[in-house]
Amino acid sequence: MRPGSAAATLFVLALAVPGLAWAQETPETRVEDIVVLGTPLREQVETFADTVVAPPHGRGPARWSARSGICVGVVNLQRDAAQAMADRVSEVALDLGLPIGEPGCSPNILIIATDDAPTLTAALVERSPNAFRPPYSGSSRSRLQLRRFIESDAPVRWWHVSLPVNSETGAVAVRLPGYDPPRTGVMASRLTTVIQNDLRRAYVIIDIDQAENVSFRQLSDYVAMVAFAQIDPDADLSGFPTILNVFDNPTIAFGLTDWDQSYLGSLYGAELNRSNPNAQSGAVAALMFRERRRIEDDRAAELEDAEAE
């Protein structure tokens, strides 16, 4: 199978589903950030970073590469709504330093709206199983997780496919069926590696009936969050100020929160060169902690200035 053909097949299949209008947008509301009382900032950040991420077993967190960039496809929304969602997800990509594909590019982030998410998801996986679990190491989560993805009753479900590559050259760093073994240089240190995990495809399926209680902006930002990071769909993130809680509490945030942006920025800004996958997640947490501490210090200084006036 040539690269991209599985995603293209799925895109065609998704287009065959009858078009659906988006529900009327609900009023937008922004509330103050939630604070985990009594917990030091460093512990909050480390707990969040460790809880939220769900890469394939034995792998560090994956992210989209600036070498390939992203191309967003949105299916089964009215044209204006589909374009608005694609534009918003692309805007987040640009904020993360990722290039955007030209019009007509082949989507590697495919967003599908439907009124029967389990049936559609099962059909997509049955039609192109290798698109969801390619036959090479480190591509995706387990068969059990794929089954849960199919059977989920969540308003939004997602699935990522990643590829281990040489961070210096972009060359594939894992054995692919039908190809010669990879040739990847190894750093001298036992603590570091040149292997990184690049996201190659993301499938995000929206159950429109369950998503009607959030605004279109909230939904678009939720989709962006799960498209750019390997979020654990079973993670308990209650108590954290994140858009990922919006379906439990629609007043949690208008869109991506400062907390969400700090996490994504740290995921894409951290140097993920540690051999230990947990250490890679730790690098994300360390960078996020520095960012959050800077923000809190700036807010404290602004408050002092306001009180002094």
Foldseek 3Di string as FASTA:
>chain_A
DDPLPLLVVLVVVLQPPDAAEFFDFDDFAFDDFFAPPPDDLLVLLLVCLVQWADFAPQAAWAFADLVVFFEEFEHRYPPVLRVVLRVLLVVLSVVLVHDYDDPPDRGQEYEYEDQDQLVSLVVSCVVRVCVQVPPWPRFFYDPVVSVCQNVPPDQKGKTWTKFKAQQVPRHGQTDHPPDDHDDHDADPDPFWGRIHIYIRHMYMYGNSVLPNVAGSQLVSQCSSLVGGTNTDPPGDPPSGLASPCCSVPVNSRSHGDPLSSLLSNLLSPFDQTTSRSVVSSVSSSVSSSVVVVVVVVVVVVVVVVVVVD
